């Protein structure tokens, strides 16, 4: 299909974690990296937290996602 030609050669696909969608991405964008939406990821973390810890978890997650790159992320893990 000519309409989808611009999608060829995609390196990164960002979506939610719907199993069918992830399977389709793997099948049709072979070699591309798949990444979960940060928003959905945070929502899932907060849903798993007790209500009393959700504010703290949200603030901690927001700080981690603002890291500049891989080295900053490694520093957070090392803390």
Protein backbone atom coordinates (compact mmCIF):
# COMPACT_ATOMS: atom_id res chain seq x y z
CA UNK A 1 0.00 0.00 0.00
CA UNK A 2 1.48 3.30 -1.07
CA UNK A 3 0.01 5.15 1.90
CA UNK A 4 2.19 3.18 4.34
CA UNK A 5 5.44 3.45 2.35
CA UNK A 6 6.68 6.24 4.64
CA UNK A 7 6.66 3.73 7.52
CA UNK A 8 9.40 1.56 5.98
CA UNK A 9 12.68 1.69 7.85
CA UNK A 10 11.21 2.64 11.22
CA UNK A 11 13.75 2.30 14.04
CA UNK A 12 11.46 2.93 17.01
CA UNK A 13 7.77 2.26 17.56
CA UNK A 14 6.08 3.62 20.71
CA UNK A 15 2.68 2.25 21.74
CA UNK A 16 0.68 0.90 24.62
CA UNK A 17 1.21 -2.70 25.76
CA UNK A 18 -1.75 -4.26 23.94
CA UNK A 19 -0.68 -7.82 23.07
CA UNK A 20 -2.18 -7.76 19.56
CA UNK A 21 -0.60 -4.41 18.78
CA UNK A 22 2.82 -5.51 20.04
CA UNK A 23 2.58 -8.71 17.97
CA UNK A 24 1.67 -6.70 14.85
CA UNK A 25 4.58 -4.32 15.44
CA UNK A 26 6.97 -7.26 15.77
CA UNK A 27 5.61 -8.81 12.55
CA UNK A 28 5.51 -5.68 10.39
CA UNK A 29 8.35 -3.57 11.76
CA UNK A 30 11.02 -6.24 12.01
CA UNK A 31 14.21 -4.87 13.46
CA UNK A 32 12.49 -1.86 15.05
CA UNK A 33 12.68 -1.30 18.78
CA UNK A 34 9.36 -1.26 20.60
CA UNK A 35 8.89 1.07 23.56
CA UNK A 36 5.96 1.30 25.95
CA UNK A 37 4.30 4.70 26.41
CA UNK A 38 5.68 6.23 29.59
CA UNK A 39 2.19 7.38 30.56
CA UNK A 40 0.75 3.86 30.46
CA UNK A 41 3.78 2.47 32.23
CA UNK A 42 3.39 4.98 35.08
CA UNK A 43 -0.35 4.28 35.33
CA UNK A 44 0.35 0.56 35.71
CA UNK A 45 2.92 1.24 38.42
CA UNK A 46 0.51 3.49 40.30
CA UNK A 47 -2.34 0.97 39.96
CA UNK A 48 -0.12 -1.62 41.65
CA UNK A 49 0.82 0.73 44.52
CA UNK A 50 -1.19 1.16 47.70
CA UNK A 51 -3.09 4.49 47.62
CA UNK A 52 -0.92 5.81 50.44
CA UNK A 53 2.24 5.48 48.28
CA UNK A 54 0.88 6.59 44.90
CA UNK A 55 1.93 10.25 45.28
CA UNK A 56 5.48 9.33 46.23
CA UNK A 57 5.71 6.73 43.43
CA UNK A 58 4.42 9.24 40.85
CA UNK A 59 6.98 11.87 41.91
CA UNK A 60 9.84 9.36 41.85
CA UNK A 61 8.83 8.08 38.41
CA UNK A 62 8.59 11.60 36.98
CA UNK A 63 12.14 12.36 38.12
CA UNK A 64 13.49 9.14 36.59
CA UNK A 65 11.91 9.82 33.18
CA UNK A 66 13.49 13.28 33.01
CA UNK A 67 16.99 11.84 33.08
CA UNK A 68 19.11 13.02 30.17
CA UNK A 69 20.37 9.68 28.99
CA UNK A 70 21.75 6.25 29.68
CA UNK A 71 24.48 7.41 32.11
CA UNK A 72 21.98 9.34 34.22
CA UNK A 73 19.70 6.31 34.27
CA UNK A 74 22.57 4.08 35.41
CA UNK A 75 23.35 6.56 38.21
CA UNK A 76 19.74 6.31 39.44
CA UNK A 77 19.92 2.52 39.47
CA UNK A 78 23.21 2.66 41.37
CA UNK A 79 21.70 4.89 44.10
